[in-house]
Amino acid sequence: MSYAEAVARVTQIERERAVIRTRFEHTATASVSFADELNQAQGSVSAQPVAQAASSAPTVQGTLTSGQQQFASTLAADTGLDPQVIGAWLLSEESGEAAVSRQAANNNDWLNIGYTDGGTYGSTDSIWTSPITAAEATAGWLNGRETVTGYGTASSGIQAILDTAGQPAPAQIAAIQQSGWASSGYPDLPTLYQQLSV
């Protein structure tokens, strides 16, 4: 097994552990919301409240942090993409303890826009300090606008993701996988989507 394969496998295991832990905790404390559980787990770190999206876009919950939930709901409302597809996409980029740490640092760039193998662009922009402004900037960037300082606009393959808005989840997932966003092609995206659908 190569180093890259080992890292990918460890990441997959961490995601699976987070899903199992969250399901167990949710079952054991059904009257406590995920945001409350996250607040308890973070101790003195204040978690953002869960956003209430437009009535047509349900909030994604479960293994997402409250910041990820707000981001997913806002991005879904702004783009017309399925919030569960967005949630799975977020988990593909950042999950578990890494997501909790990122939220504690007020970094809401949940899709890692500007993080490249060649460097990081626009990561210090104030748009990332709020899940709402981060989602709005992401929606604009997906639409081909220059909303991330120093990073330019999204490629045509990435912009094509929004062409699937309103289509069934498998079409949206396929567009994300084929967009060129991640060199891996997000092979676990359908599985993560199914986990959020449970």
N, C-alpha and C. Protein backbone atom coordinates (compact mmCIF):
# COMPACT_ATOMS: atom_id res chain seq x y z
N MET A 1 0.85 -1.17 0.00
CA MET A 1 0.00 0.00 0.00
C MET A 1 0.89 1.23 0.00
N SER A 2 0.62 2.16 -0.91
CA SER A 2 1.41 3.38 -0.99
C SER A 2 1.02 4.32 0.15
N TYR A 3 1.85 5.33 0.35
CA TYR A 3 1.57 6.32 1.38
C TYR A 3 0.24 7.01 1.12
N ALA A 4 -0.01 7.42 -0.12
CA ALA A 4 -1.26 8.10 -0.48
C ALA A 4 -2.46 7.20 -0.21
N GLU A 5 -2.34 5.91 -0.52
CA GLU A 5 -3.43 4.97 -0.26
C GLU A 5 -3.66 4.81 1.24
N ALA A 6 -2.57 4.78 2.00
CA ALA A 6 -2.68 4.64 3.46
C ALA A 6 -3.38 5.86 4.05
N VAL A 7 -3.01 7.06 3.59
CA VAL A 7 -3.64 8.29 4.07
C VAL A 7 -5.12 8.29 3.72
N ALA A 8 -5.44 7.88 2.49
CA ALA A 8 -6.84 7.82 2.06
C ALA A 8 -7.63 6.84 2.91
N ARG A 9 -7.02 5.70 3.23
CA ARG A 9 -7.71 4.69 4.04
C ARG A 9 -7.93 5.19 5.47
N VAL A 10 -6.93 5.86 6.04
CA VAL A 10 -7.07 6.41 7.39
C VAL A 10 -8.18 7.45 7.41
N THR A 11 -8.23 8.31 6.40
CA THR A 11 -9.29 9.31 6.30
C THR A 11 -10.65 8.65 6.22
N GLN A 12 -10.75 7.60 5.43
CA GLN A 12 -12.02 6.88 5.30
C GLN A 12 -12.43 6.27 6.64
N ILE A 13 -11.49 5.68 7.35
CA ILE A 13 -11.77 5.08 8.65
C ILE A 13 -12.24 6.15 9.64
N GLU A 14 -11.58 7.32 9.63
CA GLU A 14 -11.98 8.40 10.53
C GLU A 14 -13.40 8.86 10.23
N ARG A 15 -13.76 8.94 8.95
CA ARG A 15 -15.12 9.32 8.58
C ARG A 15 -16.12 8.29 9.07
N GLU A 16 -15.80 7.02 8.88
CA GLU A 16 -16.70 5.96 9.31
C GLU A 16 -16.87 5.97 10.83
N ARG A 17 -15.78 6.20 11.56
CA ARG A 17 -15.85 6.30 13.02
C ARG A 17 -16.73 7.46 13.45
N ALA A 18 -16.58 8.60 12.76
CA ALA A 18 -17.39 9.77 13.10
C ALA A 18 -18.87 9.49 12.87
N VAL A 19 -19.20 8.80 11.79
CA VAL A 19 -20.59 8.46 11.49
C VAL A 19 -21.15 7.54 12.57
N ILE A 20 -20.40 6.51 12.92
CA ILE A 20 -20.85 5.56 13.94
C ILE A 20 -21.00 6.25 15.29
N ARG A 21 -19.99 7.07 15.66
CA ARG A 21 -20.04 7.77 16.95
C ARG A 21 -21.25 8.71 16.99
N THR A 22 -21.48 9.45 15.92
CA THR A 22 -22.60 10.39 15.88
C THR A 22 -23.92 9.65 15.96
N ARG A 23 -24.06 8.55 15.24
CA ARG A 23 -25.31 7.78 15.30
C ARG A 23 -25.55 7.24 16.70
N PHE A 24 -24.49 6.73 17.35
CA PHE A 24 -24.62 6.21 18.70
C PHE A 24 -25.02 7.33 19.66
N GLU A 25 -24.32 8.46 19.58
CA GLU A 25 -24.62 9.57 20.47
C GLU A 25 -26.02 10.10 20.21
N HIS A 26 -26.41 10.16 18.93
CA HIS A 26 -27.75 10.66 18.60
C HIS A 26 -28.82 9.74 19.15
N THR A 27 -28.61 8.44 19.07
CA THR A 27 -29.57 7.47 19.59
C THR A 27 -29.64 7.57 21.11
N ALA A 28 -28.49 7.72 21.74
CA ALA A 28 -28.43 7.76 23.20
C ALA A 28 -29.01 9.06 23.76
N THR A 29 -28.93 10.14 22.98
CA THR A 29 -29.40 11.44 23.46
C THR A 29 -30.33 12.06 22.43
N ALA A 30 -31.38 11.35 22.09
CA ALA A 30 -32.27 11.77 21.01
C ALA A 30 -32.88 13.14 21.25
N SER A 31 -33.00 13.57 22.51
CA SER A 31 -33.61 14.87 22.78
C SER A 31 -32.61 16.01 22.68
N VAL A 32 -31.33 15.72 22.50
CA VAL A 32 -30.30 16.75 22.40
C VAL A 32 -29.94 16.94 20.93
N SER A 33 -29.88 18.19 20.48
CA SER A 33 -29.55 18.45 19.08
C SER A 33 -28.07 18.26 18.83
N PHE A 34 -27.71 18.09 17.58
CA PHE A 34 -26.30 17.95 17.21
C PHE A 34 -25.52 19.19 17.61
N ALA A 35 -26.09 20.36 17.40
CA ALA A 35 -25.41 21.60 17.76
C ALA A 35 -25.12 21.63 19.26
N ASP A 36 -26.10 21.16 20.08
CA ASP A 36 -25.87 21.10 21.53
C ASP A 36 -24.75 20.12 21.87
N GLU A 37 -24.75 18.96 21.20
CA GLU A 37 -23.69 17.98 21.44
C GLU A 37 -22.33 18.57 21.07
N LEU A 38 -22.27 19.28 19.96
CA LEU A 38 -21.02 19.88 19.53
C LEU A 38 -20.56 20.94 20.52
N ASN A 39 -21.50 21.76 21.00
CA ASN A 39 -21.15 22.76 22.00
C ASN A 39 -20.57 22.11 23.24
N GLN A 40 -21.19 21.02 23.70
CA GLN A 40 -20.69 20.30 24.86
C GLN A 40 -19.29 19.76 24.61
N ALA A 41 -19.09 19.16 23.44
CA ALA A 41 -17.79 18.55 23.11
C ALA A 41 -16.70 19.59 23.01
N GLN A 42 -17.05 20.80 22.56
CA GLN A 42 -16.05 21.84 22.38
C GLN A 42 -15.76 22.61 23.65
N GLY A 43 -16.56 22.40 24.67
CA GLY A 43 -16.34 23.08 25.93
C GLY A 43 -16.50 24.57 25.80
N SER A 44 -15.38 25.31 25.88
CA SER A 44 -15.45 26.77 25.86
C SER A 44 -15.55 27.34 24.46
N VAL A 45 -15.42 26.51 23.44
CA VAL A 45 -15.52 27.00 22.07
C VAL A 45 -16.98 27.17 21.72
N SER A 46 -17.36 28.34 21.28
CA SER A 46 -18.75 28.63 20.94
C SER A 46 -19.04 28.20 19.52
N ALA A 47 -20.02 27.31 19.35
CA ALA A 47 -20.41 26.86 18.01
C ALA A 47 -21.49 27.77 17.48
N GLN A 48 -21.49 27.97 16.18
CA GLN A 48 -22.52 28.77 15.53
C GLN A 48 -23.86 28.04 15.64
N PRO A 49 -24.97 28.75 15.82
CA PRO A 49 -26.27 28.07 15.82
C PRO A 49 -26.59 27.54 14.44
N VAL A 50 -27.41 26.49 14.41
CA VAL A 50 -27.79 25.89 13.14
C VAL A 50 -28.68 26.87 12.39
N ALA A 51 -28.36 27.14 11.13
CA ALA A 51 -29.15 28.08 10.33
C ALA A 51 -30.46 27.44 9.92
N GLN A 52 -31.47 28.24 9.80
CA GLN A 52 -32.74 27.79 9.26
C GLN A 52 -32.76 28.20 7.81
N ALA A 53 -32.69 27.24 6.91
CA ALA A 53 -32.65 27.53 5.48
C ALA A 53 -34.04 27.86 4.99
N ALA A 54 -34.11 28.24 3.72
CA ALA A 54 -35.41 28.47 3.10
C ALA A 54 -36.25 27.21 3.27
N SER A 55 -37.57 27.37 3.36
CA SER A 55 -38.44 26.23 3.67
C SER A 55 -38.29 25.09 2.67
N SER A 56 -37.84 25.37 1.46
CA SER A 56 -37.68 24.32 0.45
C SER A 56 -36.36 23.58 0.58
N ALA A 57 -35.43 24.05 1.42
CA ALA A 57 -34.12 23.42 1.55
C ALA A 57 -33.91 22.98 2.99
N PRO A 58 -34.06 21.68 3.30
CA PRO A 58 -33.89 21.21 4.67
C PRO A 58 -32.44 21.33 5.12
N THR A 59 -32.25 21.43 6.42
CA THR A 59 -30.91 21.52 6.98
C THR A 59 -30.28 20.13 7.03
N VAL A 60 -29.03 20.04 6.63
CA VAL A 60 -28.29 18.79 6.72
C VAL A 60 -27.78 18.66 8.15
N GLN A 61 -27.96 17.51 8.77
CA GLN A 61 -27.50 17.31 10.14
C GLN A 61 -26.72 16.01 10.23
N GLY A 62 -26.35 15.63 11.42
CA GLY A 62 -25.66 14.36 11.62
C GLY A 62 -24.20 14.57 11.90
N THR A 63 -23.35 14.17 10.97
CA THR A 63 -21.92 14.21 11.20
C THR A 63 -21.30 15.57 10.87
N LEU A 64 -22.08 16.52 10.45
CA LEU A 64 -21.58 17.85 10.13
C LEU A 64 -21.53 18.72 11.38
N THR A 65 -20.55 19.61 11.45
CA THR A 65 -20.54 20.58 12.54
C THR A 65 -21.66 21.58 12.29
N SER A 66 -21.97 22.37 13.29
CA SER A 66 -23.04 23.36 13.11
C SER A 66 -22.65 24.38 12.04
N GLY A 67 -21.37 24.72 11.95
CA GLY A 67 -20.92 25.64 10.89
C GLY A 67 -21.09 25.03 9.51
N GLN A 68 -20.79 23.74 9.40
CA GLN A 68 -20.99 23.05 8.13
C GLN A 68 -22.48 23.00 7.79
N GLN A 69 -23.32 22.79 8.79
CA GLN A 69 -24.76 22.75 8.56
C GLN A 69 -25.26 24.10 8.03
N GLN A 70 -24.80 25.19 8.65
CA GLN A 70 -25.20 26.52 8.19
C GLN A 70 -24.72 26.74 6.76
N PHE A 71 -23.46 26.40 6.51
CA PHE A 71 -22.88 26.56 5.18
C PHE A 71 -23.67 25.77 4.15
N ALA A 72 -23.95 24.50 4.44
CA ALA A 72 -24.67 23.63 3.50
C ALA A 72 -26.07 24.17 3.21
N SER A 73 -26.77 24.60 4.25
CA SER A 73 -28.12 25.13 4.05
C SER A 73 -28.11 26.40 3.20
N THR A 74 -27.16 27.28 3.47
CA THR A 74 -27.07 28.53 2.72
C THR A 74 -26.66 28.27 1.28
N LEU A 75 -25.66 27.40 1.09
CA LEU A 75 -25.21 27.09 -0.27
C LEU A 75 -26.33 26.41 -1.06
N ALA A 76 -27.09 25.54 -0.42
CA ALA A 76 -28.22 24.89 -1.10
C ALA A 76 -29.27 25.92 -1.51
N ALA A 77 -29.58 26.85 -0.61
CA ALA A 77 -30.57 27.88 -0.92
C ALA A 77 -30.08 28.80 -2.05
N ASP A 78 -28.77 29.09 -2.07
CA ASP A 78 -28.21 30.00 -3.08
C ASP A 78 -27.99 29.36 -4.44
N THR A 79 -27.85 28.02 -4.47
CA THR A 79 -27.51 27.36 -5.74
C THR A 79 -28.58 26.42 -6.27
N GLY A 80 -29.47 25.96 -5.41
CA GLY A 80 -30.47 24.97 -5.83
C GLY A 80 -29.95 23.54 -5.78
N LEU A 81 -28.71 23.35 -5.31
CA LEU A 81 -28.17 21.99 -5.14
C LEU A 81 -28.80 21.34 -3.92
N ASP A 82 -28.88 20.02 -3.94
CA ASP A 82 -29.43 19.24 -2.84
C ASP A 82 -28.56 19.44 -1.59
N PRO A 83 -29.16 19.84 -0.45
CA PRO A 83 -28.36 20.07 0.75
C PRO A 83 -27.64 18.82 1.25
N GLN A 84 -28.20 17.63 1.01
CA GLN A 84 -27.52 16.41 1.42
C GLN A 84 -26.32 16.12 0.52
N VAL A 85 -26.42 16.45 -0.75
CA VAL A 85 -25.28 16.31 -1.65
C VAL A 85 -24.18 17.26 -1.17
N ILE A 86 -24.56 18.48 -0.85
CA ILE A 86 -23.57 19.44 -0.34
C ILE A 86 -22.97 18.93 0.95
N GLY A 87 -23.80 18.39 1.85
CA GLY A 87 -23.28 17.85 3.11
C GLY A 87 -22.27 16.74 2.88
N ALA A 88 -22.57 15.84 1.96
CA ALA A 88 -21.62 14.76 1.64
C ALA A 88 -20.33 15.34 1.07
N TRP A 89 -20.45 16.35 0.25
CA TRP A 89 -19.29 17.01 -0.35
C TRP A 89 -18.43 17.64 0.75
N LEU A 90 -19.08 18.28 1.72
CA LEU A 90 -18.34 18.88 2.83
C LEU A 90 -17.59 17.82 3.63
N LEU A 91 -18.26 16.69 3.88
CA LEU A 91 -17.59 15.61 4.61
C LEU A 91 -16.43 15.03 3.83
N SER A 92 -16.52 15.04 2.51
CA SER A 92 -15.41 14.57 1.69
C SER A 92 -14.20 15.48 1.86
N GLU A 93 -14.45 16.74 2.11
CA GLU A 93 -13.36 17.71 2.26
C GLU A 93 -12.87 17.82 3.70
N GLU A 94 -13.78 17.79 4.66
CA GLU A 94 -13.41 18.03 6.05
C GLU A 94 -14.41 17.36 6.98
N SER A 95 -13.95 16.48 7.87
CA SER A 95 -14.87 15.81 8.78
C SER A 95 -14.20 15.51 10.11
N GLY A 96 -15.00 15.03 11.03
CA GLY A 96 -14.49 14.60 12.33
C GLY A 96 -13.81 15.72 13.11
N GLU A 97 -12.74 15.35 13.80
CA GLU A 97 -12.01 16.31 14.63
C GLU A 97 -11.42 17.45 13.81
N ALA A 98 -11.03 17.16 12.57
CA ALA A 98 -10.48 18.22 11.71
C ALA A 98 -11.53 19.30 11.46
N ALA A 99 -12.79 18.89 11.25
CA ALA A 99 -13.86 19.86 11.04
C ALA A 99 -14.15 20.65 12.31
N VAL A 100 -14.13 19.98 13.46
CA VAL A 100 -14.35 20.67 14.73
C VAL A 100 -13.25 21.70 14.96
N SER A 101 -12.00 21.33 14.68
CA SER A 101 -10.88 22.26 14.84
C SER A 101 -11.00 23.44 13.88
N ARG A 102 -11.39 23.15 12.65
CA ARG A 102 -11.53 24.22 11.66
C ARG A 102 -12.62 25.20 12.11
N GLN A 103 -13.74 24.68 12.59
CA GLN A 103 -14.81 25.57 13.06
C GLN A 103 -14.33 26.41 14.23
N ALA A 104 -13.59 25.80 15.15
CA ALA A 104 -13.08 26.54 16.30
C ALA A 104 -12.15 27.67 15.87
N ALA A 105 -11.51 27.52 14.73
CA ALA A 105 -10.61 28.55 14.20
C ALA A 105 -11.37 29.57 13.34
N ASN A 106 -12.70 29.47 13.30
CA ASN A 106 -13.53 30.35 12.46
C ASN A 106 -13.14 30.31 11.00
N ASN A 107 -12.75 29.14 10.52
CA ASN A 107 -12.44 28.96 9.11
C ASN A 107 -13.58 28.15 8.50
N ASN A 108 -14.44 28.83 7.76
CA ASN A 108 -15.62 28.19 7.18
C ASN A 108 -15.48 27.94 5.69
N ASP A 109 -14.26 27.81 5.23
CA ASP A 109 -14.00 27.46 3.83
C ASP A 109 -14.12 25.95 3.71
N TRP A 110 -15.35 25.45 3.87
CA TRP A 110 -15.61 24.02 4.00
C TRP A 110 -15.32 23.24 2.74
N LEU A 111 -15.26 23.89 1.58
CA LEU A 111 -14.93 23.17 0.34
C LEU A 111 -13.49 23.44 -0.09
N ASN A 112 -12.73 24.08 0.80
CA ASN A 112 -11.29 24.31 0.58
C ASN A 112 -10.99 25.08 -0.70
N ILE A 113 -11.80 26.07 -1.00
CA ILE A 113 -11.53 26.90 -2.18
C ILE A 113 -10.24 27.67 -1.92
N GLY A 114 -9.34 27.59 -2.87
CA GLY A 114 -8.05 28.27 -2.77
C GLY A 114 -6.94 27.41 -2.19
N TYR A 115 -7.29 26.24 -1.65
CA TYR A 115 -6.27 25.32 -1.14
C TYR A 115 -5.83 24.44 -2.30
N THR A 116 -4.61 24.61 -2.74
CA THR A 116 -4.11 23.85 -3.88
C THR A 116 -2.77 23.21 -3.54
N ASP A 117 -2.32 22.31 -4.41
CA ASP A 117 -1.00 21.70 -4.21
C ASP A 117 0.11 22.74 -4.33
N GLY A 118 -0.16 23.81 -5.08
CA GLY A 118 0.85 24.84 -5.30
C GLY A 118 0.83 25.97 -4.29
N GLY A 119 -0.12 25.97 -3.37
CA GLY A 119 -0.22 27.03 -2.38
C GLY A 119 -1.65 27.25 -1.96
N THR A 120 -1.85 28.22 -1.09
CA THR A 120 -3.19 28.56 -0.62
C THR A 120 -3.47 30.01 -0.98
N TYR A 121 -4.63 30.24 -1.58
CA TYR A 121 -5.00 31.57 -2.05
C TYR A 121 -6.30 32.02 -1.42
N GLY A 122 -6.31 33.23 -0.89
CA GLY A 122 -7.53 33.81 -0.34
C GLY A 122 -7.96 33.26 1.00
N SER A 123 -7.12 32.46 1.66
CA SER A 123 -7.55 31.82 2.91
C SER A 123 -7.69 32.80 4.07
N THR A 124 -7.05 33.95 3.98
CA THR A 124 -7.15 34.93 5.06
C THR A 124 -8.27 35.93 4.84
N ASP A 125 -9.01 35.79 3.77
CA ASP A 125 -10.11 36.69 3.46
C ASP A 125 -11.18 36.59 4.54
N SER A 126 -11.75 37.71 4.94
CA SER A 126 -12.76 37.73 6.01
C SER A 126 -14.05 37.00 5.63
N ILE A 127 -14.25 36.70 4.35
CA ILE A 127 -15.47 35.97 3.95
C ILE A 127 -15.57 34.61 4.62
N TRP A 128 -14.45 34.03 5.01
CA TRP A 128 -14.45 32.67 5.57
C TRP A 128 -14.76 32.64 7.06
N THR A 129 -14.88 33.80 7.73
CA THR A 129 -15.12 33.79 9.17
C THR A 129 -16.55 33.46 9.55
N SER A 130 -17.47 33.52 8.62
CA SER A 130 -18.87 33.19 8.87
C SER A 130 -19.32 32.12 7.89
N PRO A 131 -20.07 31.11 8.35
CA PRO A 131 -20.57 30.09 7.42
C PRO A 131 -21.47 30.69 6.34
N ILE A 132 -22.18 31.76 6.69
CA ILE A 132 -23.10 32.39 5.74
C ILE A 132 -22.33 33.10 4.63
N THR A 133 -21.40 33.99 5.01
CA THR A 133 -20.63 34.71 3.98
C THR A 133 -19.75 33.76 3.19
N ALA A 134 -19.27 32.70 3.85
CA ALA A 134 -18.45 31.71 3.14
C ALA A 134 -19.29 30.99 2.09
N ALA A 135 -20.51 30.62 2.45
CA ALA A 135 -21.40 29.94 1.49
C ALA A 135 -21.79 30.87 0.35
N GLU A 136 -22.05 32.12 0.67
CA GLU A 136 -22.41 33.08 -0.37
C GLU A 136 -21.25 33.29 -1.34
N ALA A 137 -20.03 33.40 -0.82
CA ALA A 137 -18.85 33.55 -1.68
C ALA A 137 -18.64 32.29 -2.52
N THR A 138 -18.86 31.13 -1.92
CA THR A 138 -18.73 29.87 -2.64
C THR A 138 -19.74 29.79 -3.77
N ALA A 139 -20.99 30.18 -3.49
CA ALA A 139 -22.02 30.17 -4.53
C ALA A 139 -21.63 31.10 -5.68
N GLY A 140 -21.14 32.27 -5.35
CA GLY A 140 -20.70 33.21 -6.39
C GLY A 140 -19.55 32.65 -7.20
N TRP A 141 -18.61 32.02 -6.51
CA TRP A 141 -17.44 31.44 -7.19
C TRP A 141 -17.88 30.29 -8.11
N LEU A 142 -18.80 29.46 -7.64
CA LEU A 142 -19.32 28.37 -8.47
C LEU A 142 -20.03 28.92 -9.72
N ASN A 143 -20.59 30.12 -9.59
CA ASN A 143 -21.28 30.77 -10.71
C ASN A 143 -20.32 31.50 -11.64
N GLY A 144 -19.02 31.40 -11.38
CA GLY A 144 -18.04 32.01 -12.27
C GLY A 144 -17.65 33.43 -11.92
N ARG A 145 -18.06 33.89 -10.73
CA ARG A 145 -17.68 35.23 -10.30
C ARG A 145 -16.40 35.18 -9.48
N GLU A 146 -15.69 36.26 -9.43
CA GLU A 146 -14.43 36.35 -8.69
C GLU A 146 -14.71 36.80 -7.26
N THR A 147 -15.17 35.87 -6.43
CA THR A 147 -15.57 36.20 -5.06
C THR A 147 -14.52 35.81 -4.02
N VAL A 148 -13.44 35.15 -4.44
CA VAL A 148 -12.37 34.75 -3.53
C VAL A 148 -11.12 35.53 -3.93
N THR A 149 -10.73 36.49 -3.10
CA THR A 149 -9.60 37.36 -3.39
C THR A 149 -8.35 36.56 -3.73
N GLY A 150 -7.78 36.87 -4.90
CA GLY A 150 -6.51 36.27 -5.29
C GLY A 150 -6.61 34.88 -5.88
N TYR A 151 -7.82 34.36 -6.10
CA TYR A 151 -7.93 32.99 -6.60
C TYR A 151 -8.54 32.90 -7.99
N GLY A 152 -9.11 33.95 -8.50
CA GLY A 152 -9.69 33.90 -9.83
C GLY A 152 -11.07 33.26 -9.82
N THR A 153 -11.48 32.75 -10.98
CA THR A 153 -12.82 32.17 -11.10
C THR A 153 -12.74 30.65 -11.25
N ALA A 154 -13.87 30.02 -11.04
CA ALA A 154 -13.96 28.56 -11.16
C ALA A 154 -13.84 28.14 -12.62
N SER A 155 -13.29 26.97 -12.83
CA SER A 155 -13.17 26.41 -14.19
C SER A 155 -14.56 26.07 -14.73
N SER A 156 -14.63 25.85 -16.02
CA SER A 156 -15.92 25.49 -16.63
C SER A 156 -16.44 24.17 -16.08
N GLY A 157 -15.55 23.23 -15.77
CA GLY A 157 -15.98 21.95 -15.19
C GLY A 157 -16.63 22.14 -13.83
N ILE A 158 -16.07 23.04 -13.04
CA ILE A 158 -16.63 23.32 -11.72
C ILE A 158 -17.94 24.10 -11.86
N GLN A 159 -17.98 25.07 -12.76
CA GLN A 159 -19.22 25.83 -12.97
C GLN A 159 -20.35 24.92 -13.45
N ALA A 160 -20.00 23.84 -14.16
CA ALA A 160 -21.02 22.91 -14.68
C ALA A 160 -21.76 22.17 -13.57
N ILE A 161 -21.20 22.16 -12.36
CA ILE A 161 -21.90 21.53 -11.24
C ILE A 161 -23.28 22.16 -11.07
N LEU A 162 -23.35 23.48 -11.20
CA LEU A 162 -24.61 24.18 -10.97
C LEU A 162 -25.65 23.89 -12.06
N ASP A 163 -25.21 23.37 -13.20
CA ASP A 163 -26.16 22.98 -14.25
C ASP A 163 -27.06 21.84 -13.81
N THR A 164 -26.66 21.13 -12.74
CA THR A 164 -27.45 20.00 -12.26
C THR A 164 -28.41 20.38 -11.13
N ALA A 165 -28.45 21.67 -10.77
CA ALA A 165 -29.37 22.12 -9.72
C ALA A 165 -30.79 21.71 -10.09
N GLY A 166 -31.49 21.12 -9.12
CA GLY A 166 -32.86 20.66 -9.35
C GLY A 166 -32.94 19.25 -9.91
N GLN A 167 -31.82 18.71 -10.35
CA GLN A 167 -31.81 17.33 -10.85
C GLN A 167 -31.66 16.37 -9.67
N PRO A 168 -31.89 15.07 -9.90
CA PRO A 168 -31.72 14.09 -8.81
C PRO A 168 -30.29 14.09 -8.25
N ALA A 169 -30.18 13.68 -7.00
CA ALA A 169 -28.89 13.67 -6.32
C ALA A 169 -27.80 12.94 -7.10
N PRO A 170 -28.06 11.77 -7.71
CA PRO A 170 -26.98 11.10 -8.44
C PRO A 170 -26.38 11.96 -9.57
N ALA A 171 -27.20 12.77 -10.21
CA ALA A 171 -26.69 13.65 -11.28
C ALA A 171 -25.79 14.74 -10.68
N GLN A 172 -26.17 15.28 -9.54
CA GLN A 172 -25.37 16.29 -8.88
C GLN A 172 -24.04 15.71 -8.39
N ILE A 173 -24.12 14.51 -7.82
CA ILE A 173 -22.91 13.84 -7.35
C ILE A 173 -21.96 13.57 -8.51
N ALA A 174 -22.49 13.08 -9.62
CA ALA A 174 -21.66 12.80 -10.80
C ALA A 174 -21.00 14.07 -11.31
N ALA A 175 -21.72 15.19 -11.31
CA ALA A 175 -21.15 16.46 -11.77
C ALA A 175 -19.99 16.89 -10.88
N ILE A 176 -20.15 16.73 -9.57
CA ILE A 176 -19.07 17.08 -8.64
C ILE A 176 -17.86 16.17 -8.89
N GLN A 177 -18.12 14.87 -9.04
CA GLN A 177 -17.04 13.91 -9.25
C GLN A 177 -16.28 14.19 -10.55
N GLN A 178 -16.99 14.64 -11.57
CA GLN A 178 -16.38 14.86 -12.89
C GLN A 178 -15.89 16.29 -13.10
N SER A 179 -16.04 17.14 -12.10
CA SER A 179 -15.74 18.56 -12.25
C SER A 179 -14.25 18.89 -12.28
N GLY A 180 -13.43 17.99 -11.76
CA GLY A 180 -12.02 18.30 -11.61
C GLY A 180 -11.70 18.98 -10.29
N TRP A 181 -12.70 19.09 -9.41
CA TRP A 181 -12.49 19.76 -8.12
C TRP A 181 -11.41 19.05 -7.31
N ALA A 182 -11.49 17.74 -7.24
CA ALA A 182 -10.51 16.95 -6.49
C ALA A 182 -9.90 15.91 -7.40
N SER A 183 -8.61 15.75 -7.32
CA SER A 183 -7.94 14.77 -8.19
C SER A 183 -8.43 13.35 -7.92
N SER A 184 -8.95 13.11 -6.72
CA SER A 184 -9.47 11.77 -6.39
C SER A 184 -10.78 11.48 -7.10
N GLY A 185 -11.51 12.53 -7.49
CA GLY A 185 -12.83 12.34 -8.08
C GLY A 185 -13.89 11.98 -7.06
N TYR A 186 -13.58 12.14 -5.78
CA TYR A 186 -14.53 11.88 -4.70
C TYR A 186 -15.21 10.51 -4.81
N PRO A 187 -14.48 9.42 -4.78
CA PRO A 187 -15.12 8.11 -4.93
C PRO A 187 -16.10 7.78 -3.79
N ASP A 188 -15.93 8.38 -2.61
CA ASP A 188 -16.79 8.09 -1.46
C ASP A 188 -18.03 8.97 -1.39
N LEU A 189 -18.19 9.89 -2.33
CA LEU A 189 -19.31 10.83 -2.27
C LEU A 189 -20.68 10.14 -2.24
N PRO A 190 -20.93 9.12 -3.08
CA PRO A 190 -22.23 8.45 -3.00
C PRO A 190 -22.48 7.78 -1.64
N THR A 191 -21.45 7.20 -1.06
CA THR A 191 -21.58 6.54 0.25
C THR A 191 -21.88 7.57 1.33
N LEU A 192 -21.16 8.69 1.31
CA LEU A 192 -21.39 9.74 2.30
C LEU A 192 -22.81 10.30 2.15
N TYR A 193 -23.26 10.45 0.91
CA TYR A 193 -24.63 10.92 0.66
C TYR A 193 -25.63 9.95 1.30
N GLN A 194 -25.43 8.66 1.10
CA GLN A 194 -26.34 7.66 1.68
C GLN A 194 -26.32 7.72 3.20
N GLN A 195 -25.14 7.94 3.79
CA GLN A 195 -25.06 8.02 5.25
C GLN A 195 -25.84 9.21 5.79
N LEU A 196 -25.83 10.31 5.06
CA LEU A 196 -26.58 11.48 5.50
C LEU A 196 -28.08 11.31 5.26
N SER A 197 -28.44 10.39 4.37
CA SER A 197 -29.85 10.16 4.06
C SER A 197 -30.54 9.27 5.09
N VAL A 198 -29.76 8.60 5.94
CA VAL A 198 -30.31 7.67 6.91
C VAL A 198 -31.01 8.42 8.02
